[in-house]
Amino acid sequence: MRIGRKIAVSLCGILCLIMLLGGCGQSKVPSDLSVPAISVTGKGKVTAYIVEDFDKDYYDLAELRTMVEDELSKFNESRKGAEAEGAVAMVSLTETVVQEVPKAVLVLEFQDINCYREYFGKDLFYGTIAQAQKAGYDLNVEFTSVKDGTTIGKTEIFGMGNSRILIVQDKVRIFGPGKAQYVTSGAAVKEDGSVEPSDAKDNTYIIMK
């Protein structure tokens, strides 16, 4: 998951820049989240949680904050029209420790899915199955039932046109706007209702109640 278009392809990229400068119904997101994740609301607002190692003595949180703020400002200014106002904002930037490794946790809030897609260059879709079909998504995908582990395919999916589906390209923990009913085979539903994507390169699909 990348933090911006021009500075770096990920938070790790920004940390590398610091190295050079310094001398080298909806599942609730837990407050102590320490893994990369996204949360999508029913109205299409997206929150991205970016987590990267922050384990060098010369890493400075205040410097990183300034870089992020500058990156977000440039991105927002680059978007034309009224939609540019508040397109993406930094919610927080904090330090934590995960299994004895210092981490930086950056939380960004996007006003809509289009803004998220433009910023990260990653695909993201939320809508009905019928809308996904119309948008050209390949739904010839095997799904596994969260309830009983049975699988369904294209025929059953096409008969669920009004059901909501979330399609995520990035390999991050997913907090959707509804309870997962079917997920891409290989993905796993966690106790908190979030979905852990499979290791496959394909998108993660989640059909929700």
N, C-alpha and C. Protein backbone atom coordinates (compact mmCIF):
# COMPACT_ATOMS: atom_id res chain seq x y z
N MET A 1 0.86 -1.18 0.00
CA MET A 1 0.00 0.00 0.00
C MET A 1 0.89 1.22 0.00
N ARG A 2 0.78 2.12 -0.96
CA ARG A 2 1.74 3.20 -1.00
C ARG A 2 1.17 4.48 -0.42
N ILE A 3 2.07 5.28 0.12
CA ILE A 3 1.64 6.48 0.83
C ILE A 3 1.40 7.65 -0.11
N GLY A 4 1.98 7.67 -1.27
CA GLY A 4 1.75 8.77 -2.18
C GLY A 4 2.35 8.50 -3.53
N ARG A 5 2.01 9.33 -4.50
CA ARG A 5 2.43 9.06 -5.86
C ARG A 5 3.84 9.52 -6.15
N LYS A 6 4.27 10.63 -5.60
CA LYS A 6 5.54 11.23 -6.01
C LYS A 6 6.67 10.97 -5.03
N ILE A 7 6.36 10.88 -3.74
CA ILE A 7 7.44 10.71 -2.77
C ILE A 7 7.91 9.28 -2.72
N ALA A 8 6.96 8.31 -2.74
CA ALA A 8 7.36 6.92 -2.57
C ALA A 8 6.25 6.01 -2.97
N VAL A 9 6.57 4.72 -3.11
CA VAL A 9 5.54 3.75 -3.41
C VAL A 9 4.98 3.12 -2.16
N SER A 10 5.49 3.49 -1.01
CA SER A 10 4.98 2.98 0.25
C SER A 10 5.54 3.80 1.38
N LEU A 11 5.04 3.60 2.57
CA LEU A 11 5.61 4.27 3.72
C LEU A 11 7.08 3.90 3.86
N CYS A 12 7.42 2.69 3.47
CA CYS A 12 8.81 2.26 3.50
C CYS A 12 9.67 3.16 2.62
N GLY A 13 9.10 3.61 1.49
CA GLY A 13 9.83 4.51 0.61
C GLY A 13 10.13 5.83 1.28
N ILE A 14 9.18 6.35 2.04
CA ILE A 14 9.42 7.60 2.76
C ILE A 14 10.49 7.39 3.81
N LEU A 15 10.46 6.25 4.48
CA LEU A 15 11.48 5.99 5.49
C LEU A 15 12.86 5.92 4.85
N CYS A 16 12.93 5.40 3.64
CA CYS A 16 14.21 5.37 2.93
C CYS A 16 14.68 6.79 2.63
N LEU A 17 13.74 7.69 2.31
CA LEU A 17 14.11 9.07 2.06
C LEU A 17 14.64 9.70 3.33
N ILE A 18 14.00 9.40 4.47
CA ILE A 18 14.50 9.90 5.75
C ILE A 18 15.91 9.36 6.00
N MET A 19 16.14 8.11 5.63
CA MET A 19 17.46 7.50 5.81
C MET A 19 18.53 8.32 5.08
N LEU A 20 18.20 8.74 3.85
CA LEU A 20 19.16 9.51 3.08
C LEU A 20 19.38 10.89 3.70
N LEU A 21 18.28 11.51 4.12
CA LEU A 21 18.38 12.84 4.71
C LEU A 21 19.07 12.79 6.07
N GLY A 22 18.84 11.70 6.79
CA GLY A 22 19.34 11.64 8.15
C GLY A 22 20.70 10.99 8.25
N GLY A 23 21.24 10.59 7.15
CA GLY A 23 22.57 9.96 7.19
C GLY A 23 22.44 8.58 6.66
N CYS A 24 21.56 8.22 6.02
CA CYS A 24 21.47 6.94 5.34
C CYS A 24 20.00 6.74 4.80
N GLY A 25 -22.84 -3.47 11.74
CA GLY A 25 -23.07 -4.20 10.68
C GLY A 25 -21.77 -4.19 10.09
N GLN A 26 -21.10 -2.95 10.29
CA GLN A 26 -19.76 -2.89 9.79
C GLN A 26 -18.82 -3.41 10.86
N SER A 27 -17.86 -4.20 10.41
CA SER A 27 -16.87 -4.71 11.35
C SER A 27 -16.04 -3.54 11.86
N LYS A 28 -15.83 -3.50 13.15
CA LYS A 28 -15.16 -2.38 13.80
C LYS A 28 -13.66 -2.57 13.82
N VAL A 29 -12.95 -1.54 13.39
CA VAL A 29 -11.49 -1.59 13.38
C VAL A 29 -10.99 -1.45 14.82
N PRO A 30 -10.18 -2.39 15.31
CA PRO A 30 -9.67 -2.28 16.69
C PRO A 30 -8.75 -1.09 16.85
N SER A 31 -8.77 -0.50 18.04
CA SER A 31 -7.96 0.70 18.29
C SER A 31 -6.47 0.39 18.28
N ASP A 32 -6.11 -0.87 18.51
CA ASP A 32 -4.69 -1.24 18.55
C ASP A 32 -4.26 -1.98 17.29
N LEU A 33 -4.92 -1.71 16.18
CA LEU A 33 -4.58 -2.37 14.92
C LEU A 33 -3.11 -2.15 14.59
N SER A 34 -2.41 -3.24 14.25
CA SER A 34 -0.98 -3.14 13.98
C SER A 34 -0.60 -3.85 12.68
N VAL A 35 -1.57 -4.05 11.80
CA VAL A 35 -1.31 -4.64 10.49
C VAL A 35 -1.92 -3.73 9.43
N PRO A 36 -1.37 -3.72 8.20
CA PRO A 36 -1.96 -2.91 7.13
C PRO A 36 -3.41 -3.31 6.90
N ALA A 37 -4.29 -2.32 6.71
CA ALA A 37 -5.71 -2.61 6.57
C ALA A 37 -6.42 -1.47 5.86
N ILE A 38 -7.63 -1.77 5.41
CA ILE A 38 -8.53 -0.71 4.93
C ILE A 38 -9.91 -0.96 5.53
N SER A 39 -10.64 0.13 5.70
CA SER A 39 -12.01 0.06 6.16
C SER A 39 -12.88 0.83 5.17
N VAL A 40 -13.97 0.22 4.72
CA VAL A 40 -14.87 0.84 3.75
C VAL A 40 -16.25 0.95 4.39
N THR A 41 -16.85 2.14 4.34
CA THR A 41 -18.18 2.33 4.89
C THR A 41 -19.23 2.12 3.80
N GLY A 42 -20.48 2.02 4.22
CA GLY A 42 -21.56 1.84 3.26
C GLY A 42 -21.73 3.02 2.32
N LYS A 43 -21.23 4.18 2.71
CA LYS A 43 -21.31 5.37 1.86
C LYS A 43 -20.06 5.56 1.00
N GLY A 44 -19.14 4.60 1.08
CA GLY A 44 -17.98 4.64 0.21
C GLY A 44 -16.78 5.38 0.74
N LYS A 45 -16.82 5.81 2.00
CA LYS A 45 -15.64 6.45 2.58
C LYS A 45 -14.64 5.36 2.94
N VAL A 46 -13.37 5.62 2.68
CA VAL A 46 -12.32 4.62 2.88
C VAL A 46 -11.27 5.14 3.86
N THR A 47 -10.90 4.30 4.80
CA THR A 47 -9.80 4.62 5.71
C THR A 47 -8.70 3.59 5.50
N ALA A 48 -7.49 4.07 5.27
CA ALA A 48 -6.35 3.18 5.04
C ALA A 48 -5.42 3.23 6.25
N TYR A 49 -4.98 2.05 6.67
CA TYR A 49 -4.06 1.91 7.80
C TYR A 49 -2.75 1.36 7.26
N ILE A 50 -1.71 2.18 7.27
CA ILE A 50 -0.42 1.82 6.70
C ILE A 50 0.55 1.56 7.84
N VAL A 51 1.13 0.38 7.85
CA VAL A 51 2.02 -0.01 8.95
C VAL A 51 3.36 -0.45 8.36
N GLU A 52 4.43 0.19 8.82
CA GLU A 52 5.77 -0.15 8.33
C GLU A 52 6.76 -0.13 9.49
N ASP A 53 7.86 -0.85 9.31
CA ASP A 53 8.93 -0.84 10.32
C ASP A 53 9.45 0.58 10.52
N PHE A 54 9.73 0.91 11.77
CA PHE A 54 10.23 2.25 12.13
C PHE A 54 11.35 2.05 13.14
N ASP A 55 12.34 1.26 12.72
CA ASP A 55 13.32 0.72 13.67
C ASP A 55 14.73 1.28 13.54
N LYS A 56 14.87 2.44 12.91
CA LYS A 56 16.19 3.06 12.80
C LYS A 56 16.27 4.28 13.72
N ASP A 57 17.43 4.47 14.32
CA ASP A 57 17.61 5.57 15.27
C ASP A 57 17.37 6.93 14.62
N TYR A 58 17.69 7.03 13.33
CA TYR A 58 17.57 8.33 12.66
C TYR A 58 16.16 8.57 12.10
N TYR A 59 15.24 7.63 12.25
CA TYR A 59 13.86 7.88 11.86
C TYR A 59 13.25 8.88 12.85
N ASP A 60 12.56 9.85 12.33
CA ASP A 60 11.98 10.90 13.16
C ASP A 60 10.50 11.06 12.80
N LEU A 61 9.63 10.88 13.78
CA LEU A 61 8.19 10.92 13.52
C LEU A 61 7.74 12.30 13.07
N ALA A 62 8.30 13.34 13.65
CA ALA A 62 7.91 14.70 13.27
C ALA A 62 8.30 14.98 11.82
N GLU A 63 9.46 14.50 11.41
CA GLU A 63 9.90 14.68 10.03
C GLU A 63 9.01 13.90 9.08
N LEU A 64 8.67 12.69 9.47
CA LEU A 64 7.78 11.88 8.65
C LEU A 64 6.41 12.54 8.53
N ARG A 65 5.91 13.11 9.61
CA ARG A 65 4.62 13.79 9.59
C ARG A 65 4.63 14.95 8.59
N THR A 66 5.71 15.72 8.60
CA THR A 66 5.83 16.85 7.67
C THR A 66 5.81 16.37 6.22
N MET A 67 6.52 15.28 5.96
CA MET A 67 6.55 14.72 4.61
C MET A 67 5.17 14.26 4.16
N VAL A 68 4.47 13.58 5.06
CA VAL A 68 3.14 13.08 4.73
C VAL A 68 2.19 14.25 4.46
N GLU A 69 2.21 15.25 5.32
CA GLU A 69 1.33 16.40 5.14
C GLU A 69 1.59 17.10 3.81
N ASP A 70 2.86 17.20 3.44
CA ASP A 70 3.21 17.83 2.17
C ASP A 70 2.70 17.00 1.00
N GLU A 71 2.86 15.68 1.11
CA GLU A 71 2.39 14.78 0.06
C GLU A 71 0.88 14.87 -0.11
N LEU A 72 0.15 14.88 0.98
CA LEU A 72 -1.31 14.95 0.91
C LEU A 72 -1.76 16.29 0.34
N SER A 73 -1.10 17.35 0.73
CA SER A 73 -1.45 18.68 0.22
C SER A 73 -1.27 18.74 -1.29
N LYS A 74 -0.17 18.20 -1.79
CA LYS A 74 0.07 18.19 -3.23
C LYS A 74 -0.97 17.35 -3.96
N PHE A 75 -1.31 16.21 -3.36
CA PHE A 75 -2.31 15.36 -4.00
C PHE A 75 -3.66 16.06 -4.08
N ASN A 76 -4.08 16.66 -2.97
CA ASN A 76 -5.38 17.34 -2.95
C ASN A 76 -5.41 18.51 -3.93
N GLU A 77 -4.33 19.25 -4.01
CA GLU A 77 -4.26 20.38 -4.93
C GLU A 77 -4.28 19.93 -6.39
N SER A 78 -3.81 18.71 -6.64
CA SER A 78 -3.75 18.22 -8.02
C SER A 78 -5.11 17.80 -8.56
N ARG A 79 -6.08 17.61 -7.66
CA ARG A 79 -7.41 17.18 -8.09
C ARG A 79 -8.26 18.41 -8.38
N LYS A 80 -8.87 18.42 -9.53
CA LYS A 80 -9.60 19.60 -10.00
C LYS A 80 -11.04 19.58 -9.49
N GLY A 81 -11.61 20.79 -9.34
CA GLY A 81 -13.02 20.90 -9.00
C GLY A 81 -13.30 20.78 -7.52
N ALA A 82 -14.58 20.79 -7.16
CA ALA A 82 -15.00 20.77 -5.76
C ALA A 82 -14.61 19.48 -5.06
N GLU A 83 -14.47 18.39 -5.82
CA GLU A 83 -14.15 17.10 -5.21
C GLU A 83 -12.77 17.10 -4.57
N ALA A 84 -11.94 18.08 -4.93
CA ALA A 84 -10.58 18.11 -4.40
C ALA A 84 -10.55 18.50 -2.93
N GLU A 85 -11.54 19.22 -2.45
CA GLU A 85 -11.51 19.69 -1.08
C GLU A 85 -11.62 18.52 -0.11
N GLY A 86 -10.61 18.36 0.71
CA GLY A 86 -10.63 17.29 1.70
C GLY A 86 -10.63 15.91 1.11
N ALA A 87 -10.03 15.73 -0.09
CA ALA A 87 -10.06 14.44 -0.76
C ALA A 87 -9.42 13.36 0.09
N VAL A 88 -8.30 13.68 0.70
CA VAL A 88 -7.63 12.73 1.60
C VAL A 88 -7.04 13.53 2.75
N ALA A 89 -7.13 12.98 3.95
CA ALA A 89 -6.61 13.66 5.13
C ALA A 89 -5.93 12.66 6.03
N MET A 90 -4.92 13.12 6.75
CA MET A 90 -4.24 12.28 7.72
C MET A 90 -5.03 12.30 9.03
N VAL A 91 -5.45 11.13 9.47
CA VAL A 91 -6.16 11.01 10.74
C VAL A 91 -5.17 10.96 11.89
N SER A 92 -4.12 10.16 11.72
CA SER A 92 -3.12 10.03 12.78
C SER A 92 -1.84 9.43 12.23
N LEU A 93 -0.76 9.68 12.94
CA LEU A 93 0.54 9.06 12.67
C LEU A 93 1.17 8.77 14.02
N THR A 94 1.34 7.51 14.34
CA THR A 94 1.81 7.12 15.67
C THR A 94 2.88 6.05 15.57
N GLU A 95 3.56 5.86 16.67
CA GLU A 95 4.53 4.78 16.80
C GLU A 95 3.97 3.70 17.71
N THR A 96 4.30 2.45 17.41
CA THR A 96 3.91 1.34 18.26
C THR A 96 4.99 0.27 18.18
N VAL A 97 4.84 -0.78 18.94
CA VAL A 97 5.79 -1.89 18.91
C VAL A 97 5.00 -3.18 18.69
N VAL A 98 5.39 -3.94 17.67
CA VAL A 98 4.73 -5.20 17.35
C VAL A 98 5.78 -6.31 17.41
N GLN A 99 5.62 -7.22 18.34
CA GLN A 99 6.58 -8.31 18.52
C GLN A 99 8.00 -7.77 18.61
N GLU A 100 8.16 -6.76 19.44
CA GLU A 100 9.44 -6.13 19.75
C GLU A 100 10.04 -5.33 18.58
N VAL A 101 9.27 -5.12 17.53
CA VAL A 101 9.75 -4.33 16.39
C VAL A 101 9.00 -3.00 16.36
N PRO A 102 9.68 -1.86 16.44
CA PRO A 102 9.02 -0.55 16.35
C PRO A 102 8.34 -0.38 14.99
N LYS A 103 7.14 0.16 15.01
CA LYS A 103 6.37 0.36 13.79
C LYS A 103 5.83 1.79 13.75
N ALA A 104 5.67 2.32 12.55
CA ALA A 104 4.94 3.56 12.33
C ALA A 104 3.58 3.19 11.75
N VAL A 105 2.53 3.78 12.32
CA VAL A 105 1.16 3.50 11.87
C VAL A 105 0.55 4.80 11.37
N LEU A 106 0.29 4.86 10.08
CA LEU A 106 -0.30 6.03 9.45
C LEU A 106 -1.74 5.72 9.06
N VAL A 107 -2.67 6.57 9.47
CA VAL A 107 -4.08 6.39 9.14
C VAL A 107 -4.52 7.53 8.24
N LEU A 108 -5.00 7.19 7.04
CA LEU A 108 -5.47 8.17 6.06
C LEU A 108 -6.95 7.94 5.78
N GLU A 109 -7.69 9.03 5.65
CA GLU A 109 -9.12 8.93 5.35
C GLU A 109 -9.40 9.56 3.99
N PHE A 110 -10.07 8.78 3.13
CA PHE A 110 -10.40 9.22 1.77
C PHE A 110 -11.90 9.48 1.68
N GLN A 111 -12.25 10.56 0.98
CA GLN A 111 -13.66 10.93 0.92
C GLN A 111 -14.49 9.95 0.10
N ASP A 112 -13.85 9.22 -0.81
CA ASP A 112 -14.58 8.22 -1.60
C ASP A 112 -13.61 7.21 -2.20
N ILE A 113 -14.18 6.20 -2.81
CA ILE A 113 -13.39 5.11 -3.38
C ILE A 113 -12.54 5.59 -4.56
N ASN A 114 -13.09 6.50 -5.38
CA ASN A 114 -12.32 7.00 -6.52
C ASN A 114 -11.05 7.68 -6.06
N CYS A 115 -11.15 8.44 -4.97
CA CYS A 115 -9.97 9.13 -4.43
C CYS A 115 -8.94 8.11 -3.97
N TYR A 116 -9.37 7.06 -3.30
CA TYR A 116 -8.46 5.99 -2.85
C TYR A 116 -7.76 5.36 -4.05
N ARG A 117 -8.53 5.03 -5.09
CA ARG A 117 -7.95 4.38 -6.27
C ARG A 117 -6.91 5.28 -6.93
N GLU A 118 -7.22 6.55 -7.03
CA GLU A 118 -6.30 7.49 -7.67
C GLU A 118 -5.03 7.65 -6.86
N TYR A 119 -5.15 7.71 -5.56
CA TYR A 119 -4.00 7.95 -4.69
C TYR A 119 -3.05 6.76 -4.66
N PHE A 120 -3.60 5.56 -4.47
CA PHE A 120 -2.76 4.38 -4.32
C PHE A 120 -2.48 3.67 -5.64
N GLY A 121 -3.29 3.93 -6.66
CA GLY A 121 -3.14 3.18 -7.90
C GLY A 121 -3.55 1.73 -7.75
N LYS A 122 -4.45 1.46 -6.79
CA LYS A 122 -4.94 0.12 -6.52
C LYS A 122 -6.45 0.08 -6.75
N ASP A 123 -6.93 -1.02 -7.30
CA ASP A 123 -8.36 -1.13 -7.57
C ASP A 123 -9.14 -1.36 -6.28
N LEU A 124 -10.35 -0.82 -6.25
CA LEU A 124 -11.26 -1.00 -5.12
C LEU A 124 -12.66 -0.75 -5.63
N PHE A 125 -13.58 -1.65 -5.29
CA PHE A 125 -14.97 -1.50 -5.73
C PHE A 125 -15.91 -1.88 -4.60
N TYR A 126 -16.98 -1.11 -4.46
CA TYR A 126 -18.06 -1.47 -3.54
C TYR A 126 -19.39 -1.10 -4.19
N GLY A 127 -20.28 -2.07 -4.27
CA GLY A 127 -21.60 -1.86 -4.86
C GLY A 127 -22.32 -3.18 -4.96
N THR A 128 -23.36 -3.22 -5.77
CA THR A 128 -24.09 -4.48 -5.94
C THR A 128 -23.34 -5.37 -6.94
N ILE A 129 -23.67 -6.64 -6.91
CA ILE A 129 -23.07 -7.57 -7.87
C ILE A 129 -23.44 -7.16 -9.29
N ALA A 130 -24.67 -6.71 -9.48
CA ALA A 130 -25.10 -6.25 -10.81
C ALA A 130 -24.25 -5.06 -11.27
N GLN A 131 -23.96 -4.14 -10.35
CA GLN A 131 -23.12 -2.99 -10.69
C GLN A 131 -21.69 -3.41 -11.01
N ALA A 132 -21.20 -4.42 -10.29
CA ALA A 132 -19.85 -4.92 -10.56
C ALA A 132 -19.77 -5.54 -11.95
N GLN A 133 -20.82 -6.29 -12.30
CA GLN A 133 -20.87 -6.86 -13.65
C GLN A 133 -20.85 -5.76 -14.70
N LYS A 134 -21.69 -4.75 -14.50
CA LYS A 134 -21.78 -3.64 -15.46
C LYS A 134 -20.46 -2.90 -15.58
N ALA A 135 -19.71 -2.84 -14.47
CA ALA A 135 -18.42 -2.15 -14.47
C ALA A 135 -17.32 -2.98 -15.11
N GLY A 136 -17.63 -4.23 -15.47
CA GLY A 136 -16.67 -5.06 -16.18
C GLY A 136 -15.83 -5.98 -15.33
N TYR A 137 -16.19 -6.16 -14.06
CA TYR A 137 -15.42 -7.06 -13.21
C TYR A 137 -15.73 -8.52 -13.56
N ASP A 138 -14.68 -9.32 -13.60
CA ASP A 138 -14.82 -10.75 -13.88
C ASP A 138 -15.28 -11.44 -12.60
N LEU A 139 -16.52 -11.89 -12.59
CA LEU A 139 -17.07 -12.54 -11.41
C LEU A 139 -17.09 -14.06 -11.55
N ASN A 140 -16.32 -14.56 -12.50
CA ASN A 140 -16.19 -16.01 -12.64
C ASN A 140 -15.15 -16.47 -11.61
N VAL A 141 -15.54 -16.35 -10.34
CA VAL A 141 -14.65 -16.58 -9.22
C VAL A 141 -15.30 -17.57 -8.26
N GLU A 142 -14.50 -18.43 -7.66
CA GLU A 142 -15.03 -19.37 -6.68
C GLU A 142 -15.09 -18.70 -5.31
N PHE A 143 -16.28 -18.78 -4.70
CA PHE A 143 -16.49 -18.22 -3.38
C PHE A 143 -16.73 -19.34 -2.37
N THR A 144 -16.34 -19.06 -1.12
CA THR A 144 -16.58 -20.00 -0.04
C THR A 144 -17.56 -19.38 0.95
N SER A 145 -18.55 -20.16 1.37
CA SER A 145 -19.52 -19.68 2.35
C SER A 145 -18.86 -19.55 3.71
N VAL A 146 -19.05 -18.40 4.35
CA VAL A 146 -18.52 -18.20 5.69
C VAL A 146 -19.25 -19.10 6.69
N LYS A 147 -20.50 -19.39 6.41
CA LYS A 147 -21.34 -20.15 7.34
C LYS A 147 -20.97 -21.62 7.39
N ASP A 148 -20.84 -22.26 6.21
CA ASP A 148 -20.65 -23.71 6.22
C ASP A 148 -19.50 -24.21 5.36
N GLY A 149 -18.75 -23.32 4.72
CA GLY A 149 -17.59 -23.73 3.95
C GLY A 149 -17.88 -24.27 2.56
N THR A 150 -19.15 -24.28 2.15
CA THR A 150 -19.48 -24.73 0.80
C THR A 150 -19.04 -23.67 -0.21
N THR A 151 -18.88 -24.10 -1.45
CA THR A 151 -18.44 -23.17 -2.48
C THR A 151 -19.54 -22.89 -3.49
N ILE A 152 -19.49 -21.70 -4.07
CA ILE A 152 -20.41 -21.33 -5.14
C ILE A 152 -19.59 -20.70 -6.26
N GLY A 153 -20.19 -20.67 -7.46
CA GLY A 153 -19.50 -20.12 -8.61
C GLY A 153 -20.34 -19.11 -9.35
N LYS A 154 -20.01 -18.90 -10.62
CA LYS A 154 -20.61 -17.85 -11.43
C LYS A 154 -22.13 -17.93 -11.48
N THR A 155 -22.68 -19.12 -11.67
CA THR A 155 -24.13 -19.25 -11.80
C THR A 155 -24.86 -18.72 -10.58
N GLU A 156 -24.41 -19.14 -9.39
CA GLU A 156 -25.06 -18.69 -8.16
C GLU A 156 -24.83 -17.19 -7.93
N ILE A 157 -23.64 -16.72 -8.25
CA ILE A 157 -23.31 -15.31 -8.02
C ILE A 157 -24.18 -14.40 -8.88
N PHE A 158 -24.35 -14.76 -10.15
CA PHE A 158 -25.15 -13.94 -11.04
C PHE A 158 -26.61 -13.88 -10.60
N GLY A 159 -27.03 -14.85 -9.81
CA GLY A 159 -28.40 -14.83 -9.30
C GLY A 159 -28.55 -14.00 -8.04
N MET A 160 -27.47 -13.37 -7.61
CA MET A 160 -27.48 -12.55 -6.39
C MET A 160 -27.21 -11.09 -6.73
N GLY A 161 -27.80 -10.63 -7.82
CA GLY A 161 -27.47 -9.32 -8.36
C GLY A 161 -27.60 -8.16 -7.42
N ASN A 162 -28.55 -8.23 -6.47
CA ASN A 162 -28.75 -7.11 -5.55
C ASN A 162 -27.88 -7.18 -4.29
N SER A 163 -27.15 -8.28 -4.12
CA SER A 163 -26.27 -8.40 -2.97
C SER A 163 -25.07 -7.46 -3.14
N ARG A 164 -24.53 -7.00 -2.03
CA ARG A 164 -23.39 -6.09 -2.06
C ARG A 164 -22.09 -6.87 -2.12
N ILE A 165 -21.15 -6.32 -2.89
CA ILE A 165 -19.85 -6.97 -3.03
C ILE A 165 -18.74 -5.93 -2.87
N LEU A 166 -17.69 -6.34 -2.20
CA LEU A 166 -16.50 -5.50 -2.02
C LEU A 166 -15.34 -6.21 -2.70
N ILE A 167 -14.65 -5.51 -3.59
CA ILE A 167 -13.53 -6.08 -4.34
C ILE A 167 -12.29 -5.27 -4.03
N VAL A 168 -11.26 -5.93 -3.52
CA VAL A 168 -10.05 -5.24 -3.04
C VAL A 168 -8.83 -5.85 -3.71
N GLN A 169 -8.01 -5.00 -4.32
CA GLN A 169 -6.78 -5.47 -4.95
C GLN A 169 -5.65 -5.61 -3.95
N ASP A 170 -5.54 -4.67 -3.03
CA ASP A 170 -4.42 -4.65 -2.10
C ASP A 170 -4.49 -5.82 -1.12
N LYS A 171 -3.35 -6.35 -0.74
CA LYS A 171 -3.28 -7.47 0.20
C LYS A 171 -3.18 -6.94 1.63
N VAL A 172 -4.30 -6.48 2.13
CA VAL A 172 -4.38 -5.91 3.48
C VAL A 172 -5.61 -6.49 4.19
N ARG A 173 -5.65 -6.32 5.50
CA ARG A 173 -6.83 -6.72 6.26
C ARG A 173 -8.00 -5.84 5.84
N ILE A 174 -9.17 -6.42 5.65
CA ILE A 174 -10.32 -5.69 5.10
C ILE A 174 -11.46 -5.64 6.10
N PHE A 175 -11.90 -4.42 6.42
CA PHE A 175 -13.06 -4.20 7.27
C PHE A 175 -14.16 -3.63 6.38
N GLY A 176 -15.19 -4.43 6.11
CA GLY A 176 -16.23 -4.01 5.18
C GLY A 176 -17.43 -3.40 5.86
N PRO A 177 -18.37 -2.89 5.06
CA PRO A 177 -19.56 -2.24 5.60
C PRO A 177 -20.69 -3.20 5.99
N GLY A 178 -20.44 -4.48 5.87
CA GLY A 178 -21.46 -5.47 6.22
C GLY A 178 -20.81 -6.78 6.63
N LYS A 179 -21.63 -7.70 7.09
CA LYS A 179 -21.12 -9.00 7.52
C LYS A 179 -20.82 -9.87 6.31
N ALA A 180 -19.61 -10.42 6.27
CA ALA A 180 -19.21 -11.26 5.14
C ALA A 180 -20.06 -12.52 5.08
N GLN A 181 -20.61 -12.79 3.90
CA GLN A 181 -21.41 -13.99 3.69
C GLN A 181 -20.64 -15.02 2.86
N TYR A 182 -19.97 -14.52 1.82
CA TYR A 182 -19.10 -15.36 0.99
C TYR A 182 -17.80 -14.59 0.75
N VAL A 183 -16.68 -15.31 0.70
CA VAL A 183 -15.39 -14.68 0.42
C VAL A 183 -14.65 -15.51 -0.62
N THR A 184 -13.71 -14.87 -1.28
CA THR A 184 -12.86 -15.57 -2.22
C THR A 184 -12.23 -16.79 -1.55
N SER A 185 -12.24 -17.90 -2.24
CA SER A 185 -11.62 -19.09 -1.69
C SER A 185 -10.16 -18.81 -1.34
N GLY A 186 -9.78 -19.15 -0.11
CA GLY A 186 -8.44 -18.88 0.37
C GLY A 186 -8.38 -17.71 1.33
N ALA A 187 -9.39 -16.82 1.27
CA ALA A 187 -9.46 -15.72 2.24
C ALA A 187 -10.06 -16.25 3.54
N ALA A 188 -9.80 -15.55 4.64
CA ALA A 188 -10.27 -16.00 5.95
C ALA A 188 -10.97 -14.87 6.68
N VAL A 189 -12.09 -15.20 7.32
CA VAL A 189 -12.83 -14.23 8.12
C VAL A 189 -12.35 -14.33 9.56
N LYS A 190 -11.90 -13.21 10.12
CA LYS A 190 -11.37 -13.18 11.47
C LYS A 190 -12.51 -13.03 12.49
N GLU A 191 -12.18 -13.21 13.77
CA GLU A 191 -13.17 -13.13 14.83
C GLU A 191 -13.83 -11.75 14.90
N ASP A 192 -13.08 -10.71 14.52
CA ASP A 192 -13.64 -9.36 14.58
C ASP A 192 -14.47 -9.00 13.35
N GLY A 193 -14.66 -9.97 12.43
CA GLY A 193 -15.46 -9.74 11.24
C GLY A 193 -14.67 -9.27 10.03
N SER A 194 -13.40 -8.95 10.22
CA SER A 194 -12.57 -8.53 9.09
C SER A 194 -12.18 -9.73 8.25
N VAL A 195 -11.66 -9.45 7.07
CA VAL A 195 -11.27 -10.51 6.13
C VAL A 195 -9.79 -10.41 5.84
N GLU A 196 -9.10 -11.53 6.02
CA GLU A 196 -7.68 -11.64 5.68
C GLU A 196 -7.60 -12.20 4.26
N PRO A 197 -6.98 -11.48 3.32
CA PRO A 197 -6.94 -11.95 1.93
C PRO A 197 -6.08 -13.20 1.79
N SER A 198 -6.32 -13.93 0.71
CA SER A 198 -5.49 -15.10 0.43
C SER A 198 -4.14 -14.65 -0.11
N ASP A 199 -3.23 -15.61 -0.25
CA ASP A 199 -1.91 -15.29 -0.79
C ASP A 199 -1.91 -15.18 -2.31
N ALA A 200 -3.04 -15.51 -2.93
CA ALA A 200 -3.13 -15.45 -4.38
C ALA A 200 -2.99 -14.01 -4.87
N LYS A 201 -2.53 -13.85 -6.09
CA LYS A 201 -2.34 -12.52 -6.66
C LYS A 201 -3.67 -11.87 -7.04
N ASP A 202 -4.72 -12.66 -7.14
CA ASP A 202 -6.01 -12.13 -7.56
C ASP A 202 -6.60 -11.21 -6.50
N ASN A 203 -7.60 -10.43 -6.93
CA ASN A 203 -8.33 -9.58 -6.00
C ASN A 203 -9.05 -10.41 -4.95
N THR A 204 -9.35 -9.79 -3.82
CA THR A 204 -10.18 -10.41 -2.80
C THR A 204 -11.61 -9.95 -2.99
N TYR A 205 -12.56 -10.89 -3.06
CA TYR A 205 -13.97 -10.59 -3.24
C TYR A 205 -14.72 -10.96 -1.98
N ILE A 206 -15.60 -10.07 -1.55
CA ILE A 206 -16.41 -10.32 -0.35
C ILE A 206 -17.87 -9.98 -0.66
N ILE A 207 -18.74 -10.97 -0.57
CA ILE A 207 -20.18 -10.73 -0.72
C ILE A 207 -20.76 -10.60 0.68
N MET A 208 -21.50 -9.50 0.89
CA MET A 208 -21.98 -9.19 2.23
C MET A 208 -23.50 -9.22 2.34
N LYS A 209 -23.97 -9.46 3.54
CA LYS A 209 -25.40 -9.40 3.81
C LYS A 209 -25.85 -7.95 3.85
